[in-house]
Amino acid sequence: MTRSRAQDPNVCGVTAAIAVIDGKWKTSVLWMLESGPHRPGELRRRLPGLSEKVLTQALREMEEDGLVHREVHDVLPLKTVYSLTDFGRELSELLGPLSDWGHRRLERLAAS
């Protein structure tokens, strides 16, 4: 799915929402930021396999989409902290029922 689909007014709302969280890591980053602000290094340590390049790209896209706020503290070395915006928190809350459904699906598959 392309990022432009997230801004196309002629697509289904679900498609527009999924375009914003599309990718392997965005939902994990969103989930991590639910607990409070994090520095990029913290996010990488807590999400093994996530490269700095991919994390930077995901955070930039999420900031562009209004999901996260980037705050740079003017100290040496520079300290950057990411947190959820109200819009990002709203999305995170809406993903809760989807997460519950996903866990039920996994339980169902394990029982088969």
C-alpha atoms as a PDB file:
ATOM      1  CA  MET A   1       0.000   0.000   0.000  1.00  0.00           C
ATOM      2  CA  THR A   2       1.394   3.402  -0.860  1.00  0.00           C
ATOM      3  CA  ARG A   3       1.535   6.332   1.533  1.00  0.00           C
ATOM      4  CA  SER A   4      -0.487   8.414  -0.912  1.00  0.00           C
ATOM      5  CA  ARG A   5      -3.479   6.152  -0.192  1.00  0.00           C
ATOM      6  CA  ALA A   6      -3.511   7.549   3.345  1.00  0.00           C
ATOM      7  CA  GLN A   7      -4.331  10.983   1.906  1.00  0.00           C
ATOM      8  CA  ASP A   8      -6.664  10.003  -0.928  1.00  0.00           C
ATOM      9  CA  PRO A   9     -10.200  11.179  -0.046  1.00  0.00           C
ATOM     10  CA  ASN A  10     -11.686   8.591  -2.424  1.00  0.00           C
ATOM     11  CA  VAL A  11     -10.595   5.480  -0.529  1.00  0.00           C
ATOM     12  CA  CYS A  12     -12.337   3.530   2.191  1.00  0.00           C
ATOM     13  CA  GLY A  13     -11.685   4.880   5.696  1.00  0.00           C
ATOM     14  CA  VAL A  14     -10.209   1.567   6.795  1.00  0.00           C
ATOM     15  CA  THR A  15      -7.762   1.687   3.884  1.00  0.00           C
ATOM     16  CA  ALA A  16      -6.757   5.237   4.836  1.00  0.00           C
ATOM     17  CA  ALA A  17      -6.232   4.173   8.460  1.00  0.00           C
ATOM     18  CA  ILE A  18      -4.209   1.078   7.558  1.00  0.00           C
ATOM     19  CA  ALA A  19      -2.015   3.137   5.225  1.00  0.00           C
ATOM     20  CA  VAL A  20      -0.938   5.201   8.247  1.00  0.00           C
ATOM     21  CA  ILE A  21       0.139   2.142  10.281  1.00  0.00           C
ATOM     22  CA  ASP A  22       1.282   0.007   7.354  1.00  0.00           C
ATOM     23  CA  GLY A  23       4.664  -1.609   7.778  1.00  0.00           C
ATOM     24  CA  LYS A  24       6.337  -4.059  10.079  1.00  0.00           C
ATOM     25  CA  TRP A  25       7.263  -1.675  12.906  1.00  0.00           C
ATOM     26  CA  LYS A  26       4.785   1.203  13.160  1.00  0.00           C
ATOM     27  CA  THR A  27       2.251  -0.606  15.328  1.00  0.00           C
ATOM     28  CA  SER A  28       5.067  -1.772  17.643  1.00  0.00           C
ATOM     29  CA  VAL A  29       6.422   1.774  17.943  1.00  0.00           C
ATOM     30  CA  LEU A  30       2.905   3.072  18.565  1.00  0.00           C
ATOM     31  CA  TRP A  31       2.437   0.433  21.266  1.00  0.00           C
ATOM     32  CA  MET A  32       5.767   1.356  22.901  1.00  0.00           C
ATOM     33  CA  LEU A  33       4.915   5.061  22.936  1.00  0.00           C
ATOM     34  CA  GLU A  34       1.607   4.333  24.699  1.00  0.00           C
ATOM     35  CA  SER A  35       3.582   3.947  27.920  1.00  0.00           C
ATOM     36  CA  GLY A  36       5.131   7.419  27.580  1.00  0.00           C
ATOM     37  CA  PRO A  37       7.842   9.346  25.761  1.00  0.00           C
ATOM     38  CA  HIS A  38      10.873   7.427  24.528  1.00  0.00           C
ATOM     39  CA  ARG A  39      14.203   8.270  22.974  1.00  0.00           C
ATOM     40  CA  PRO A  40      14.998   6.536  19.663  1.00  0.00           C
ATOM     41  CA  GLY A  41      17.743   4.444  21.261  1.00  0.00           C
ATOM     42  CA  GLU A  42      15.289   3.129  23.852  1.00  0.00           C
ATOM     43  CA  LEU A  43      12.854   2.128  21.120  1.00  0.00           C
ATOM     44  CA  ARG A  44      15.581   0.276  19.213  1.00  0.00           C
ATOM     45  CA  ARG A  45      16.744  -1.592  22.320  1.00  0.00           C
ATOM     46  CA  ARG A  46      13.198  -2.664  23.187  1.00  0.00           C
ATOM     47  CA  LEU A  47      12.402  -3.740  19.609  1.00  0.00           C
ATOM     48  CA  PRO A  48      15.164  -6.164  18.552  1.00  0.00           C
ATOM     49  CA  GLY A  49      15.647  -6.337  14.817  1.00  0.00           C
ATOM     50  CA  LEU A  50      14.583  -2.745  14.217  1.00  0.00           C
ATOM     51  CA  SER A  51      17.370  -0.853  12.467  1.00  0.00           C
ATOM     52  CA  GLU A  52      18.127   2.805  13.085  1.00  0.00           C
ATOM     53  CA  LYS A  53      17.313   3.639   9.456  1.00  0.00           C
ATOM     54  CA  VAL A  54      13.905   1.944   9.526  1.00  0.00           C
ATOM     55  CA  LEU A  55      13.065   3.447  12.931  1.00  0.00           C
ATOM     56  CA  THR A  56      13.967   6.941  11.708  1.00  0.00           C
ATOM     57  CA  GLN A  57      11.833   6.496   8.597  1.00  0.00           C
ATOM     58  CA  ALA A  58       8.863   5.159  10.580  1.00  0.00           C
ATOM     59  CA  LEU A  59       9.068   7.975  13.148  1.00  0.00           C
ATOM     60  CA  ARG A  60       9.293  10.616  10.405  1.00  0.00           C
ATOM     61  CA  GLU A  61       6.230   9.185   8.654  1.00  0.00           C
ATOM     62  CA  MET A  62       4.325   8.936  11.928  1.00  0.00           C
ATOM     63  CA  GLU A  63       5.245  12.541  12.737  1.00  0.00           C
ATOM     64  CA  GLU A  64       4.109  13.620   9.264  1.00  0.00           C
ATOM     65  CA  ASP A  65       0.815  11.801   9.836  1.00  0.00           C
ATOM     66  CA  GLY A  66       0.328  13.576  13.164  1.00  0.00           C
ATOM     67  CA  LEU A  67       0.687  10.470  15.334  1.00  0.00           C
ATOM     68  CA  VAL A  68       3.876  11.355  17.176  1.00  0.00           C
ATOM     69  CA  HIS A  69       5.497  14.518  18.476  1.00  0.00           C
ATOM     70  CA  ARG A  70       9.247  14.971  18.183  1.00  0.00           C
ATOM     71  CA  GLU A  71      10.906  17.107  20.819  1.00  0.00           C
ATOM     72  CA  VAL A  72      14.568  18.040  20.560  1.00  0.00           C
ATOM     73  CA  HIS A  73      16.248  19.222  23.768  1.00  0.00           C
ATOM     74  CA  ASP A  74      19.053  21.724  23.232  1.00  0.00           C
ATOM     75  CA  VAL A  75      21.759  19.921  25.166  1.00  0.00           C
ATOM     76  CA  LEU A  76      24.982  18.292  24.036  1.00  0.00           C
ATOM     77  CA  PRO A  77      24.653  15.711  22.704  1.00  0.00           C
ATOM     78  CA  LEU A  78      21.217  16.529  21.333  1.00  0.00           C
ATOM     79  CA  LYS A  79      18.445  14.662  23.083  1.00  0.00           C
ATOM     80  CA  THR A  80      15.428  13.725  20.961  1.00  0.00           C
ATOM     81  CA  VAL A  81      12.264  12.356  22.557  1.00  0.00           C
ATOM     82  CA  TYR A  82       9.172  11.028  20.818  1.00  0.00           C
ATOM     83  CA  SER A  83       5.690  10.891  22.314  1.00  0.00           C
ATOM     84  CA  LEU A  84       2.174  10.250  21.087  1.00  0.00           C
ATOM     85  CA  THR A  85       0.024  13.168  20.067  1.00  0.00           C
ATOM     86  CA  ASP A  86      -3.657  13.191  21.013  1.00  0.00           C
ATOM     87  CA  PHE A  87      -4.364  11.951  17.474  1.00  0.00           C
ATOM     88  CA  GLY A  88      -1.860   9.115  17.914  1.00  0.00           C
ATOM     89  CA  ARG A  89      -3.315   8.225  21.316  1.00  0.00           C
ATOM     90  CA  GLU A  90      -6.776   8.080  19.747  1.00  0.00           C
ATOM     91  CA  LEU A  91      -5.512   5.680  17.064  1.00  0.00           C
ATOM     92  CA  SER A  92      -3.779   3.578  19.703  1.00  0.00           C
ATOM     93  CA  GLU A  93      -7.007   3.268  21.693  1.00  0.00           C
ATOM     94  CA  LEU A  94      -8.908   2.275  18.565  1.00  0.00           C
ATOM     95  CA  LEU A  95      -6.370  -0.449  17.809  1.00  0.00           C
ATOM     96  CA  GLY A  96      -7.058  -2.087  21.202  1.00  0.00           C
ATOM     97  CA  PRO A  97     -10.125  -4.029  20.020  1.00  0.00           C
ATOM     98  CA  LEU A  98      -8.276  -5.060  16.858  1.00  0.00           C
ATOM     99  CA  SER A  99      -5.435  -6.348  19.022  1.00  0.00           C
ATOM    100  CA  ASP A 100      -7.914  -8.324  21.138  1.00  0.00           C
ATOM    101  CA  TRP A 101      -9.374  -9.853  17.983  1.00  0.00           C
ATOM    102  CA  GLY A 102      -5.874 -10.755  16.800  1.00  0.00           C
ATOM    103  CA  HIS A 103      -5.096 -12.537  20.076  1.00  0.00           C
ATOM    104  CA  ARG A 104      -8.366 -14.492  19.852  1.00  0.00           C
ATOM    105  CA  ARG A 105      -7.436 -15.487  16.303  1.00  0.00           C
ATOM    106  CA  LEU A 106      -4.015 -16.728  17.450  1.00  0.00           C
ATOM    107  CA  GLU A 107      -5.627 -18.743  20.260  1.00  0.00           C
ATOM    108  CA  ARG A 108      -8.041 -20.242  17.757  1.00  0.00           C
ATOM    109  CA  LEU A 109      -5.196 -21.208  15.426  1.00  0.00           C
ATOM    110  CA  ALA A 110      -3.265 -22.781  18.304  1.00  0.00           C
ATOM    111  CA  ALA A 111      -6.326 -24.822  19.285  1.00  0.00           C
ATOM    112  CA  SER A 112      -6.756 -26.206  15.734  1.00  0.00           C
END
